[in-house]
């Protein structure tokens, strides 16, 4: 869905600034230290870590990486037919980085990891095209999903390492209801694990579209997340393993509402339970499990800032009030990278 944010032109800046926000002590994380890695006039909703580099796909056709060890920044701009596409999806396999744009035309690029070049590997000219998220199961098999252009989500699959992509016809996919779509908030409304993929929806319905065989067959499950209006529903999900998953979202137009915006599953997405009602954050654009936490520790970013839970989402602690973070990924069990409006930051979680 088109919730594009615009930013004013500012000079390019780099900094090593740090700040720390304390919270009460617990057996888990009690505070964070934040290092600003990159400041720029840019909107970043898609990041991925690869061999010490944080790759990002952004607005105005921009993409690149930040090398954590060397502090090197690489950035290029893609222009297609005088259009600078807005990228909100990024994925990788062992050989390449892949980026996909929102809006028409939908453009999917294969990018050399050494920065030597890009190749357009898929294009969708449908006037309703709006791709939301992309992931790889393994080196050969990948999937990208977008808002419906017909009676189903737009789902494209690669079986040859991203060189070619094919759209699944609607007669092989579950039907959506009128007004149901997805949000390109943080490249996390699509989650993959082993051969499984989960797609989360919003709008008139907030549901889970599930495949256990890399897109050959599908099931649909309902959730209790707030739904029924254009900007309600699930904006992000993560799965710790094949069973434990967490979904967040809410109402983008009423971002302070913190009920019916968090849900937990322990059976692979078949059923969901609302959790953390009327506590913690409101609208959130991204949720992630802390690695090696047994599925108990979770972080979320969005309108209310950076929040952390050590009890499966029942209670939450605010570690930052920054409203301009859209997406977050862990690079180990106590370090995460987050990005959003005009920045990429590194977050060290402290016990």
C-alpha atoms as a PDB file:
ATOM      1  CA  UNK A   1       0.000   0.000   0.000  1.00  0.00           C
ATOM      2  CA  UNK A   2       1.224   3.429  -0.862  1.00  0.00           C
ATOM      3  CA  UNK A   3       2.286   5.141   2.367  1.00  0.00           C
ATOM      4  CA  UNK A   4       5.264   6.886   0.788  1.00  0.00           C
ATOM      5  CA  UNK A   5       7.175   9.296   2.993  1.00  0.00           C
ATOM      6  CA  UNK A   6       8.898  12.320   1.545  1.00  0.00           C
ATOM      7  CA  UNK A   7      11.966  13.996   2.993  1.00  0.00           C
ATOM      8  CA  UNK A   8      13.575  17.400   2.481  1.00  0.00           C
ATOM      9  CA  UNK A   9      16.929  17.721   0.801  1.00  0.00           C
ATOM     10  CA  UNK A  10      19.732  17.946   3.342  1.00  0.00           C
ATOM     11  CA  UNK A  11      23.497  17.795   2.974  1.00  0.00           C
ATOM     12  CA  UNK A  12      25.156  14.398   3.293  1.00  0.00           C
ATOM     13  CA  UNK A  13      26.523  13.781   6.770  1.00  0.00           C
ATOM     14  CA  UNK A  14      28.430  11.038   8.537  1.00  0.00           C
ATOM     15  CA  UNK A  15      28.888  10.797  12.274  1.00  0.00           C
ATOM     16  CA  UNK A  16      29.981   8.616  15.158  1.00  0.00           C
ATOM     17  CA  UNK A  17      27.388   9.989  17.602  1.00  0.00           C
ATOM     18  CA  UNK A  18      26.206   7.802  20.492  1.00  0.00           C
ATOM     19  CA  UNK A  19      23.461   7.929  23.074  1.00  0.00           C
ATOM     20  CA  UNK A  20      22.247   5.545  25.745  1.00  0.00           C
ATOM     21  CA  UNK A  21      18.742   5.086  27.165  1.00  0.00           C
ATOM     22  CA  UNK A  22      18.597   3.147  30.434  1.00  0.00           C
ATOM     23  CA  UNK A  23      15.808   0.843  31.533  1.00  0.00           C
ATOM     24  CA  UNK A  24      15.252  -1.163  34.702  1.00  0.00           C
ATOM     25  CA  UNK A  25      17.493  -4.171  35.273  1.00  0.00           C
ATOM     26  CA  UNK A  26      16.268  -7.643  34.343  1.00  0.00           C
ATOM     27  CA  UNK A  27      17.698 -11.022  33.478  1.00  0.00           C
ATOM     28  CA  UNK A  28      17.646  -9.915  29.852  1.00  0.00           C
ATOM     29  CA  UNK A  29      18.515  -6.626  28.118  1.00  0.00           C
ATOM     30  CA  UNK A  30      18.317  -3.492  30.259  1.00  0.00           C
ATOM     31  CA  UNK A  31      19.675  -0.766  27.978  1.00  0.00           C
ATOM     32  CA  UNK A  32      20.987  -0.012  24.507  1.00  0.00           C
ATOM     33  CA  UNK A  33      23.857   1.945  23.016  1.00  0.00           C
ATOM     34  CA  UNK A  34      23.176   3.435  19.587  1.00  0.00           C
ATOM     35  CA  UNK A  35      25.848   4.320  17.024  1.00  0.00           C
ATOM     36  CA  UNK A  36      24.832   6.345  13.989  1.00  0.00           C
ATOM     37  CA  UNK A  37      26.493   4.765  10.961  1.00  0.00           C
ATOM     38  CA  UNK A  38      25.027   6.874   8.180  1.00  0.00           C
ATOM     39  CA  UNK A  39      23.095  10.118   7.864  1.00  0.00           C
ATOM     40  CA  UNK A  40      21.735  11.230   4.525  1.00  0.00           C
ATOM     41  CA  UNK A  41      18.590  12.548   2.873  1.00  0.00           C
ATOM     42  CA  UNK A  42      17.158   9.127   2.205  1.00  0.00           C
ATOM     43  CA  UNK A  43      14.263   6.828   3.060  1.00  0.00           C
ATOM     44  CA  UNK A  44      15.353   3.232   3.767  1.00  0.00           C
ATOM     45  CA  UNK A  45      12.804   0.470   4.372  1.00  0.00           C
ATOM     46  CA  UNK A  46      14.844  -2.538   3.239  1.00  0.00           C
ATOM     47  CA  UNK A  47      18.184  -3.718   4.646  1.00  0.00           C
ATOM     48  CA  UNK A  48      20.098  -6.991   4.710  1.00  0.00           C
ATOM     49  CA  UNK A  49      23.412  -8.063   6.249  1.00  0.00           C
ATOM     50  CA  UNK A  50      25.988  -9.884   4.121  1.00  0.00           C
ATOM     51  CA  UNK A  51      29.582 -10.626   5.139  1.00  0.00           C
ATOM     52  CA  UNK A  52      29.979  -7.574   7.330  1.00  0.00           C
ATOM     53  CA  UNK A  53      28.208  -5.224   4.953  1.00  0.00           C
ATOM     54  CA  UNK A  54      24.747  -3.736   5.475  1.00  0.00           C
ATOM     55  CA  UNK A  55      23.080  -3.507   2.082  1.00  0.00           C
ATOM     56  CA  UNK A  56      20.188  -1.092   1.705  1.00  0.00           C
ATOM     57  CA  UNK A  57      17.569  -0.417  -0.954  1.00  0.00           C
ATOM     58  CA  UNK A  58      16.017   3.027  -0.796  1.00  0.00           C
ATOM     59  CA  UNK A  59      14.023   5.730  -2.523  1.00  0.00           C
ATOM     60  CA  UNK A  60      14.956   7.680  -5.673  1.00  0.00           C
ATOM     61  CA  UNK A  61      16.609   4.624  -7.235  1.00  0.00           C
ATOM     62  CA  UNK A  62      19.340   4.477  -4.622  1.00  0.00           C
ATOM     63  CA  UNK A  63      21.002   1.367  -3.242  1.00  0.00           C
ATOM     64  CA  UNK A  64      24.314   0.493  -1.683  1.00  0.00           C
ATOM     65  CA  UNK A  65      26.038  -0.781   1.429  1.00  0.00           C
ATOM     66  CA  UNK A  66      27.819   0.291   4.570  1.00  0.00           C
ATOM     67  CA  UNK A  67      30.813  -1.812   5.634  1.00  0.00           C
ATOM     68  CA  UNK A  68      30.772  -2.051   9.424  1.00  0.00           C
ATOM     69  CA  UNK A  69      34.476  -2.875   9.769  1.00  0.00           C
ATOM     70  CA  UNK A  70      35.962  -0.388   7.311  1.00  0.00           C
ATOM     71  CA  UNK A  71      33.185   2.268   7.525  1.00  0.00           C
ATOM     72  CA  UNK A  72      33.199   2.359   3.737  1.00  0.00           C
ATOM     73  CA  UNK A  73      29.995   3.503   2.064  1.00  0.00           C
ATOM     74  CA  UNK A  74      29.107   2.472  -1.469  1.00  0.00           C
ATOM     75  CA  UNK A  75      26.052   3.932  -3.209  1.00  0.00           C
ATOM     76  CA  UNK A  76      24.698   3.929  -6.745  1.00  0.00           C
ATOM     77  CA  UNK A  77      21.486   5.099  -8.407  1.00  0.00           C
ATOM     78  CA  UNK A  78      19.349   3.195 -10.896  1.00  0.00           C
ATOM     79  CA  UNK A  79      17.295   5.033 -13.500  1.00  0.00           C
ATOM     80  CA  UNK A  80      14.888   3.241 -15.848  1.00  0.00           C
ATOM     81  CA  UNK A  81      13.180   5.195 -18.645  1.00  0.00           C
ATOM     82  CA  UNK A  82      13.755   8.454 -16.740  1.00  0.00           C
ATOM     83  CA  UNK A  83      12.242   6.888 -13.592  1.00  0.00           C
ATOM     84  CA  UNK A  84      14.195   6.555 -10.356  1.00  0.00           C
ATOM     85  CA  UNK A  85      12.356   3.611  -8.737  1.00  0.00           C
ATOM     86  CA  UNK A  86      11.536   3.443  -5.060  1.00  0.00           C
ATOM     87  CA  UNK A  87      12.999   0.250  -3.618  1.00  0.00           C
ATOM     88  CA  UNK A  88      11.357  -1.324  -0.557  1.00  0.00           C
ATOM     89  CA  UNK A  89      12.420  -4.964  -1.011  1.00  0.00           C
ATOM     90  CA  UNK A  90      15.863  -6.532  -0.760  1.00  0.00           C
ATOM     91  CA  UNK A  91      17.061 -10.155  -0.646  1.00  0.00           C
ATOM     92  CA  UNK A  92      20.222 -12.160  -1.242  1.00  0.00           C
ATOM     93  CA  UNK A  93      21.655 -15.517  -2.143  1.00  0.00           C
ATOM     94  CA  UNK A  94      25.325 -16.512  -2.086  1.00  0.00           C
ATOM     95  CA  UNK A  95      26.039 -14.804  -5.379  1.00  0.00           C
ATOM     96  CA  UNK A  96      23.952 -11.647  -5.623  1.00  0.00           C
ATOM     97  CA  UNK A  97      21.793  -8.998  -3.998  1.00  0.00           C
ATOM     98  CA  UNK A  98      18.254  -8.482  -5.317  1.00  0.00           C
ATOM     99  CA  UNK A  99      16.113  -5.339  -5.087  1.00  0.00           C
ATOM    100  CA  UNK A 100      12.526  -4.710  -6.139  1.00  0.00           C
ATOM    101  CA  UNK A 101      10.641  -1.469  -6.569  1.00  0.00           C
ATOM    102  CA  UNK A 102       7.129  -0.495  -5.565  1.00  0.00           C
ATOM    103  CA  UNK A 103       4.709   1.081  -8.037  1.00  0.00           C
ATOM    104  CA  UNK A 104       4.446   0.778 -11.798  1.00  0.00           C
ATOM    105  CA  UNK A 105       6.520  -0.543 -13.392  1.00  0.00           C
ATOM    106  CA  UNK A 106       7.572  -3.166 -10.887  1.00  0.00           C
ATOM    107  CA  UNK A 107      11.315  -3.604 -11.435  1.00  0.00           C
ATOM    108  CA  UNK A 108      13.463  -6.396  -9.973  1.00  0.00           C
ATOM    109  CA  UNK A 109      17.232  -5.999 -10.238  1.00  0.00           C
ATOM    110  CA  UNK A 110      20.058  -8.465  -9.669  1.00  0.00           C
ATOM    111  CA  UNK A 111      23.082  -6.658  -8.214  1.00  0.00           C
ATOM    112  CA  UNK A 112      26.675  -7.873  -8.163  1.00  0.00           C
ATOM    113  CA  UNK A 113      28.027  -7.966  -4.612  1.00  0.00           C
ATOM    114  CA  UNK A 114      31.241  -6.292  -5.705  1.00  0.00           C
ATOM    115  CA  UNK A 115      29.233  -3.361  -7.036  1.00  0.00           C
ATOM    116  CA  UNK A 116      30.290  -4.046 -10.625  1.00  0.00           C
ATOM    117  CA  UNK A 117      26.825  -3.859 -12.142  1.00  0.00           C
ATOM    118  CA  UNK A 118      23.083  -4.488 -12.143  1.00  0.00           C
ATOM    119  CA  UNK A 119      20.755  -6.493 -14.352  1.00  0.00           C
ATOM    120  CA  UNK A 120      16.983  -6.124 -14.723  1.00  0.00           C
ATOM    121  CA  UNK A 121      15.612  -9.677 -14.302  1.00  0.00           C
ATOM    122  CA  UNK A 122      11.856  -9.006 -14.009  1.00  0.00           C
ATOM    123  CA  UNK A 123       9.425  -6.252 -14.979  1.00  0.00           C
ATOM    124  CA  UNK A 124       5.679  -5.896 -14.329  1.00  0.00           C
ATOM    125  CA  UNK A 125       3.857  -3.140 -16.223  1.00  0.00           C
ATOM    126  CA  UNK A 126       0.388  -3.726 -14.748  1.00  0.00           C
ATOM    127  CA  UNK A 127      -1.018  -0.374 -13.630  1.00  0.00           C
ATOM    128  CA  UNK A 128      -1.904  -1.889 -10.229  1.00  0.00           C
ATOM    129  CA  UNK A 129       1.587  -3.241  -9.589  1.00  0.00           C
ATOM    130  CA  UNK A 130       2.919  -2.597  -6.092  1.00  0.00           C
ATOM    131  CA  UNK A 131       5.486  -5.084  -4.782  1.00  0.00           C
ATOM    132  CA  UNK A 132       5.992  -5.268  -1.030  1.00  0.00           C
ATOM    133  CA  UNK A 133       8.619  -7.823  -0.001  1.00  0.00           C
ATOM    134  CA  UNK A 134      11.144 -10.393  -1.244  1.00  0.00           C
ATOM    135  CA  UNK A 135      13.079 -13.323   0.299  1.00  0.00           C
ATOM    136  CA  UNK A 136      15.166 -16.366  -0.701  1.00  0.00           C
ATOM    137  CA  UNK A 137      14.692 -19.843   0.774  1.00  0.00           C
ATOM    138  CA  UNK A 138      18.091 -20.947  -0.506  1.00  0.00           C
ATOM    139  CA  UNK A 139      20.521 -20.151  -3.306  1.00  0.00           C
ATOM    140  CA  UNK A 140      18.109 -21.178  -6.076  1.00  0.00           C
ATOM    141  CA  UNK A 141      14.571 -20.595  -4.771  1.00  0.00           C
ATOM    142  CA  UNK A 142      13.208 -17.118  -4.064  1.00  0.00           C
ATOM    143  CA  UNK A 143       9.856 -15.379  -3.761  1.00  0.00           C
ATOM    144  CA  UNK A 144       8.524 -11.825  -3.999  1.00  0.00           C
ATOM    145  CA  UNK A 145       4.991 -10.673  -3.234  1.00  0.00           C
ATOM    146  CA  UNK A 146       2.938  -7.633  -4.117  1.00  0.00           C
ATOM    147  CA  UNK A 147      -0.540  -6.186  -3.808  1.00  0.00           C
ATOM    148  CA  UNK A 148      -3.223  -7.872  -5.914  1.00  0.00           C
ATOM    149  CA  UNK A 149      -3.579  -6.914  -9.553  1.00  0.00           C
ATOM    150  CA  UNK A 150      -6.410  -9.429  -9.947  1.00  0.00           C
ATOM    151  CA  UNK A 151      -8.146 -11.703  -7.403  1.00  0.00           C
ATOM    152  CA  UNK A 152      -4.967 -12.797  -5.622  1.00  0.00           C
ATOM    153  CA  UNK A 153      -1.680 -11.441  -4.349  1.00  0.00           C
ATOM    154  CA  UNK A 154       1.004 -10.929  -6.973  1.00  0.00           C
ATOM    155  CA  UNK A 155       3.471 -13.729  -6.239  1.00  0.00           C
ATOM    156  CA  UNK A 156       6.569 -14.313  -8.348  1.00  0.00           C
ATOM    157  CA  UNK A 157       8.993 -17.215  -7.910  1.00  0.00           C
ATOM    158  CA  UNK A 158      12.525 -17.953  -9.068  1.00  0.00           C
ATOM    159  CA  UNK A 159      13.964 -21.488  -9.231  1.00  0.00           C
ATOM    160  CA  UNK A 160      17.271 -20.579 -10.918  1.00  0.00           C
ATOM    161  CA  UNK A 161      19.072 -18.313  -8.434  1.00  0.00           C
ATOM    162  CA  UNK A 162      17.158 -15.180  -9.422  1.00  0.00           C
ATOM    163  CA  UNK A 163      18.012 -15.146 -13.110  1.00  0.00           C
ATOM    164  CA  UNK A 164      14.364 -15.583 -14.168  1.00  0.00           C
ATOM    165  CA  UNK A 165      11.113 -15.015 -12.266  1.00  0.00           C
ATOM    166  CA  UNK A 166       7.620 -16.301 -13.050  1.00  0.00           C
ATOM    167  CA  UNK A 167       4.285 -15.116 -11.741  1.00  0.00           C
ATOM    168  CA  UNK A 168       1.995 -17.689 -10.113  1.00  0.00           C
ATOM    169  CA  UNK A 169      -1.462 -17.568 -11.757  1.00  0.00           C
ATOM    170  CA  UNK A 170      -4.411 -16.701  -9.509  1.00  0.00           C
ATOM    171  CA  UNK A 171      -6.027 -20.118  -9.960  1.00  0.00           C
ATOM    172  CA  UNK A 172      -3.096 -21.574  -7.989  1.00  0.00           C
ATOM    173  CA  UNK A 173      -3.280 -19.003  -5.169  1.00  0.00           C
ATOM    174  CA  UNK A 174      -5.854 -18.201  -2.437  1.00  0.00           C
ATOM    175  CA  UNK A 175      -8.316 -15.442  -3.286  1.00  0.00           C
ATOM    176  CA  UNK A 176      -8.088 -12.132  -1.467  1.00  0.00           C
ATOM    177  CA  UNK A 177     -11.141 -10.135  -0.407  1.00  0.00           C
ATOM    178  CA  UNK A 178     -11.868  -6.668  -1.758  1.00  0.00           C
ATOM    179  CA  UNK A 179      -9.712  -4.159   0.091  1.00  0.00           C
ATOM    180  CA  UNK A 180      -7.165  -6.703   1.303  1.00  0.00           C
ATOM    181  CA  UNK A 181      -3.529  -6.031   0.404  1.00  0.00           C
ATOM    182  CA  UNK A 182      -0.068  -5.785   1.972  1.00  0.00           C
ATOM    183  CA  UNK A 183       2.147  -3.031   3.383  1.00  0.00           C
ATOM    184  CA  UNK A 184       5.616  -2.290   2.032  1.00  0.00           C
ATOM    185  CA  UNK A 185       6.700  -1.047   5.443  1.00  0.00           C
ATOM    186  CA  UNK A 186       9.951  -2.910   6.152  1.00  0.00           C
ATOM    187  CA  UNK A 187      10.369  -5.911   3.801  1.00  0.00           C
ATOM    188  CA  UNK A 188       8.864  -8.119   6.546  1.00  0.00           C
ATOM    189  CA  UNK A 189       5.323  -8.940   5.453  1.00  0.00           C
ATOM    190  CA  UNK A 190       6.911 -12.007   3.864  1.00  0.00           C
ATOM    191  CA  UNK A 191       8.862 -14.468   6.056  1.00  0.00           C
ATOM    192  CA  UNK A 192      10.621 -17.649   4.918  1.00  0.00           C
ATOM    193  CA  UNK A 193      11.953 -20.554   6.976  1.00  0.00           C
ATOM    194  CA  UNK A 194      13.169 -23.852   5.503  1.00  0.00           C
ATOM    195  CA  UNK A 195      10.572 -24.603   2.774  1.00  0.00           C
ATOM    196  CA  UNK A 196       7.895 -22.438   4.416  1.00  0.00           C
ATOM    197  CA  UNK A 197       6.720 -18.932   3.557  1.00  0.00           C
ATOM    198  CA  UNK A 198       4.234 -16.762   5.405  1.00  0.00           C
ATOM    199  CA  UNK A 199       2.615 -13.695   3.807  1.00  0.00           C
ATOM    200  CA  UNK A 200       0.742 -11.304   6.118  1.00  0.00           C
ATOM    201  CA  UNK A 201      -2.054  -9.042   4.927  1.00  0.00           C
ATOM    202  CA  UNK A 202      -3.830  -5.878   5.970  1.00  0.00           C
ATOM    203  CA  UNK A 203      -6.668  -3.584   5.032  1.00  0.00           C
ATOM    204  CA  UNK A 204     -10.109  -5.174   5.103  1.00  0.00           C
ATOM    205  CA  UNK A 205      -8.588  -8.427   6.387  1.00  0.00           C
ATOM    206  CA  UNK A 206      -5.513  -9.286   8.469  1.00  0.00           C
ATOM    207  CA  UNK A 207      -4.637 -12.846   7.486  1.00  0.00           C
ATOM    208  CA  UNK A 208      -1.771 -15.299   7.026  1.00  0.00           C
ATOM    209  CA  UNK A 209      -1.083 -16.906   3.629  1.00  0.00           C
ATOM    210  CA  UNK A 210       0.974 -20.048   4.226  1.00  0.00           C
ATOM    211  CA  UNK A 211       2.952 -22.412   2.021  1.00  0.00           C
ATOM    212  CA  UNK A 212       5.008 -25.363   3.276  1.00  0.00           C
ATOM    213  CA  UNK A 213       6.390 -26.342  -0.162  1.00  0.00           C
ATOM    214  CA  UNK A 214       8.036 -23.153  -1.460  1.00  0.00           C
ATOM    215  CA  UNK A 215       4.923 -21.792  -3.157  1.00  0.00           C
ATOM    216  CA  UNK A 216       3.412 -24.875  -4.787  1.00  0.00           C
ATOM    217  CA  UNK A 217       0.357 -24.995  -2.493  1.00  0.00           C
ATOM    218  CA  UNK A 218      -1.207 -22.496  -0.085  1.00  0.00           C
ATOM    219  CA  UNK A 219      -3.478 -22.205   2.967  1.00  0.00           C
ATOM    220  CA  UNK A 220      -5.007 -19.124   4.625  1.00  0.00           C
ATOM    221  CA  UNK A 221      -5.434 -18.475   8.366  1.00  0.00           C
ATOM    222  CA  UNK A 222      -7.277 -15.662  10.158  1.00  0.00           C
ATOM    223  CA  UNK A 223      -5.787 -13.426  12.851  1.00  0.00           C
ATOM    224  CA  UNK A 224      -7.339 -11.176  15.526  1.00  0.00           C
ATOM    225  CA  UNK A 225      -5.176  -8.182  14.539  1.00  0.00           C
ATOM    226  CA  UNK A 226      -7.189  -4.990  13.976  1.00  0.00           C
ATOM    227  CA  UNK A 227      -8.638  -4.913  10.458  1.00  0.00           C
ATOM    228  CA  UNK A 228     -11.457  -3.512   8.344  1.00  0.00           C
ATOM    229  CA  UNK A 229     -10.025  -0.145   7.285  1.00  0.00           C
ATOM    230  CA  UNK A 230      -7.559   0.681   4.530  1.00  0.00           C
ATOM    231  CA  UNK A 231      -4.599   1.334   6.835  1.00  0.00           C
ATOM    232  CA  UNK A 232      -5.212  -1.356   9.447  1.00  0.00           C
ATOM    233  CA  UNK A 233      -3.827  -4.863   9.693  1.00  0.00           C
ATOM    234  CA  UNK A 234      -0.489  -6.651   9.926  1.00  0.00           C
ATOM    235  CA  UNK A 235       2.503  -4.590   8.802  1.00  0.00           C
ATOM    236  CA  UNK A 236       5.268  -6.992   9.824  1.00  0.00           C
ATOM    237  CA  UNK A 237       5.895 -10.509  11.099  1.00  0.00           C
ATOM    238  CA  UNK A 238       8.799 -12.709  12.114  1.00  0.00           C
ATOM    239  CA  UNK A 239       9.140 -16.407  12.908  1.00  0.00           C
ATOM    240  CA  UNK A 240      11.714 -17.701  15.361  1.00  0.00           C
ATOM    241  CA  UNK A 241      11.285 -21.210  13.983  1.00  0.00           C
ATOM    242  CA  UNK A 242       8.594 -23.159  12.128  1.00  0.00           C
ATOM    243  CA  UNK A 243       6.180 -22.776  15.066  1.00  0.00           C
ATOM    244  CA  UNK A 244       6.797 -19.570  17.036  1.00  0.00           C
ATOM    245  CA  UNK A 245       5.838 -16.365  15.251  1.00  0.00           C
ATOM    246  CA  UNK A 246       4.945 -12.791  16.106  1.00  0.00           C
ATOM    247  CA  UNK A 247       2.910 -10.258  14.112  1.00  0.00           C
ATOM    248  CA  UNK A 248       2.624  -6.503  14.619  1.00  0.00           C
ATOM    249  CA  UNK A 249       0.773  -3.674  12.953  1.00  0.00           C
ATOM    250  CA  UNK A 250      -2.202  -1.646  14.051  1.00  0.00           C
ATOM    251  CA  UNK A 251      -3.750   1.420  12.504  1.00  0.00           C
ATOM    252  CA  UNK A 252      -1.293   3.577  10.558  1.00  0.00           C
ATOM    253  CA  UNK A 253      -3.706   6.532  10.755  1.00  0.00           C
ATOM    254  CA  UNK A 254      -4.142   6.135  14.544  1.00  0.00           C
ATOM    255  CA  UNK A 255      -0.596   5.182  15.547  1.00  0.00           C
ATOM    256  CA  UNK A 256      -1.053   5.548  19.313  1.00  0.00           C
ATOM    257  CA  UNK A 257      -3.594   2.714  19.523  1.00  0.00           C
ATOM    258  CA  UNK A 258      -1.872  -0.203  21.241  1.00  0.00           C
ATOM    259  CA  UNK A 259      -4.608  -2.834  21.320  1.00  0.00           C
ATOM    260  CA  UNK A 260      -5.166  -5.581  18.733  1.00  0.00           C
ATOM    261  CA  UNK A 261      -1.798  -4.735  17.183  1.00  0.00           C
ATOM    262  CA  UNK A 262       0.357  -7.606  18.532  1.00  0.00           C
ATOM    263  CA  UNK A 263      -0.256 -11.345  18.183  1.00  0.00           C
ATOM    264  CA  UNK A 264       1.652 -14.550  18.954  1.00  0.00           C
ATOM    265  CA  UNK A 265       1.442 -17.970  17.330  1.00  0.00           C
ATOM    266  CA  UNK A 266       3.004 -21.198  18.576  1.00  0.00           C
ATOM    267  CA  UNK A 267       1.656 -23.488  15.846  1.00  0.00           C
ATOM    268  CA  UNK A 268       3.212 -22.075  12.716  1.00  0.00           C
ATOM    269  CA  UNK A 269       0.605 -19.377  12.087  1.00  0.00           C
ATOM    270  CA  UNK A 270      -2.530 -21.520  12.112  1.00  0.00           C
ATOM    271  CA  UNK A 271      -3.926 -19.715  15.165  1.00  0.00           C
ATOM    272  CA  UNK A 272      -2.956 -16.440  16.828  1.00  0.00           C
ATOM    273  CA  UNK A 273      -3.466 -14.913  20.274  1.00  0.00           C
ATOM    274  CA  UNK A 274      -3.529 -11.191  21.002  1.00  0.00           C
ATOM    275  CA  UNK A 275      -0.818 -10.312  23.513  1.00  0.00           C
ATOM    276  CA  UNK A 276       0.481  -7.179  25.215  1.00  0.00           C
ATOM    277  CA  UNK A 277      -2.936  -5.540  24.979  1.00  0.00           C
ATOM    278  CA  UNK A 278      -3.054  -1.820  25.872  1.00  0.00           C
ATOM    279  CA  UNK A 279       0.632  -1.796  26.718  1.00  0.00           C
ATOM    280  CA  UNK A 280       3.880  -1.008  24.929  1.00  0.00           C
ATOM    281  CA  UNK A 281       3.866   0.428  21.434  1.00  0.00           C
ATOM    282  CA  UNK A 282       1.093   1.372  19.033  1.00  0.00           C
ATOM    283  CA  UNK A 283       1.546   1.143  15.267  1.00  0.00           C
ATOM    284  CA  UNK A 284       4.772  -0.717  14.396  1.00  0.00           C
ATOM    285  CA  UNK A 285       6.389  -1.228  11.006  1.00  0.00           C
ATOM    286  CA  UNK A 286       8.845  -4.020  11.872  1.00  0.00           C
ATOM    287  CA  UNK A 287       9.248  -6.837  14.404  1.00  0.00           C
ATOM    288  CA  UNK A 288      12.160  -9.263  14.871  1.00  0.00           C
ATOM    289  CA  UNK A 289      13.048 -12.058  17.293  1.00  0.00           C
ATOM    290  CA  UNK A 290      16.360 -11.814  19.115  1.00  0.00           C
ATOM    291  CA  UNK A 291      18.562 -14.691  17.893  1.00  0.00           C
ATOM    292  CA  UNK A 292      19.279 -17.531  20.350  1.00  0.00           C
ATOM    293  CA  UNK A 293      16.499 -16.326  22.679  1.00  0.00           C
ATOM    294  CA  UNK A 294      14.219 -19.351  22.422  1.00  0.00           C
ATOM    295  CA  UNK A 295      11.563 -17.144  20.888  1.00  0.00           C
ATOM    296  CA  UNK A 296      11.085 -15.194  24.127  1.00  0.00           C
ATOM    297  CA  UNK A 297      12.866 -11.958  23.210  1.00  0.00           C
ATOM    298  CA  UNK A 298      11.409  -9.624  20.589  1.00  0.00           C
ATOM    299  CA  UNK A 299      12.086  -6.096  19.333  1.00  0.00           C
ATOM    300  CA  UNK A 300       9.842  -3.766  17.358  1.00  0.00           C
ATOM    301  CA  UNK A 301      10.279  -0.370  15.743  1.00  0.00           C
ATOM    302  CA  UNK A 302       7.734   2.127  14.502  1.00  0.00           C
ATOM    303  CA  UNK A 303       5.864   5.274  15.455  1.00  0.00           C
ATOM    304  CA  UNK A 304       6.421   4.734  19.194  1.00  0.00           C
ATOM    305  CA  UNK A 305      10.154   4.097  18.924  1.00  0.00           C
ATOM    306  CA  UNK A 306      12.245   1.009  19.728  1.00  0.00           C
ATOM    307  CA  UNK A 307      10.627  -1.509  22.083  1.00  0.00           C
ATOM    308  CA  UNK A 308      11.881  -4.769  23.612  1.00  0.00           C
ATOM    309  CA  UNK A 309      10.112  -7.714  25.240  1.00  0.00           C
ATOM    310  CA  UNK A 310      11.697 -10.595  27.165  1.00  0.00           C
ATOM    311  CA  UNK A 311       8.442 -12.514  27.797  1.00  0.00           C
ATOM    312  CA  UNK A 312       7.058 -13.391  24.353  1.00  0.00           C
ATOM    313  CA  UNK A 313       5.459  -9.958  23.931  1.00  0.00           C
ATOM    314  CA  UNK A 314       3.427  -9.777  27.156  1.00  0.00           C
ATOM    315  CA  UNK A 315       5.287  -6.709  28.467  1.00  0.00           C
ATOM    316  CA  UNK A 316       7.510  -4.185  26.714  1.00  0.00           C
ATOM    317  CA  UNK A 317      10.313  -1.733  27.521  1.00  0.00           C
ATOM    318  CA  UNK A 318      11.027   1.344  25.453  1.00  0.00           C
ATOM    319  CA  UNK A 319      14.719   1.668  24.597  1.00  0.00           C
ATOM    320  CA  UNK A 320      14.467   4.612  22.181  1.00  0.00           C
ATOM    321  CA  UNK A 321      11.847   7.230  21.320  1.00  0.00           C
ATOM    322  CA  UNK A 322      13.057   7.565  17.722  1.00  0.00           C
ATOM    323  CA  UNK A 323       9.923   7.547  15.529  1.00  0.00           C
ATOM    324  CA  UNK A 324      11.874   7.500  12.276  1.00  0.00           C
ATOM    325  CA  UNK A 325      13.054   3.872  12.296  1.00  0.00           C
ATOM    326  CA  UNK A 326      11.218   1.700   9.760  1.00  0.00           C
ATOM    327  CA  UNK A 327      13.130  -1.585   9.724  1.00  0.00           C
ATOM    328  CA  UNK A 328      15.539  -3.588  11.914  1.00  0.00           C
ATOM    329  CA  UNK A 329      17.672  -6.753  11.568  1.00  0.00           C
ATOM    330  CA  UNK A 330      19.939  -8.588  14.041  1.00  0.00           C
ATOM    331  CA  UNK A 331      23.505  -9.402  13.035  1.00  0.00           C
ATOM    332  CA  UNK A 332      24.153 -11.405  16.232  1.00  0.00           C
ATOM    333  CA  UNK A 333      22.312 -12.090  19.479  1.00  0.00           C
ATOM    334  CA  UNK A 334      22.976  -8.645  20.957  1.00  0.00           C
ATOM    335  CA  UNK A 335      23.556  -6.357  17.944  1.00  0.00           C
ATOM    336  CA  UNK A 336      21.037  -5.043  15.439  1.00  0.00           C
ATOM    337  CA  UNK A 337      21.042  -2.653  12.508  1.00  0.00           C
ATOM    338  CA  UNK A 338      18.048  -0.360  12.004  1.00  0.00           C
ATOM    339  CA  UNK A 339      17.228   2.089   9.226  1.00  0.00           C
ATOM    340  CA  UNK A 340      14.567   4.580   8.330  1.00  0.00           C
ATOM    341  CA  UNK A 341      14.212   8.253   7.593  1.00  0.00           C
ATOM    342  CA  UNK A 342      17.658   9.696   6.816  1.00  0.00           C
ATOM    343  CA  UNK A 343      19.704   7.130   8.748  1.00  0.00           C
ATOM    344  CA  UNK A 344      21.215   3.731   9.415  1.00  0.00           C
ATOM    345  CA  UNK A 345      22.114   2.955  13.039  1.00  0.00           C
ATOM    346  CA  UNK A 346      23.790   0.140  14.978  1.00  0.00           C
ATOM    347  CA  UNK A 347      22.118  -0.906  18.229  1.00  0.00           C
ATOM    348  CA  UNK A 348      24.044  -2.720  20.962  1.00  0.00           C
ATOM    349  CA  UNK A 349      21.720  -4.374  23.493  1.00  0.00           C
ATOM    350  CA  UNK A 350      23.171  -4.416  27.020  1.00  0.00           C
ATOM    351  CA  UNK A 351      22.420  -6.675  29.971  1.00  0.00           C
END
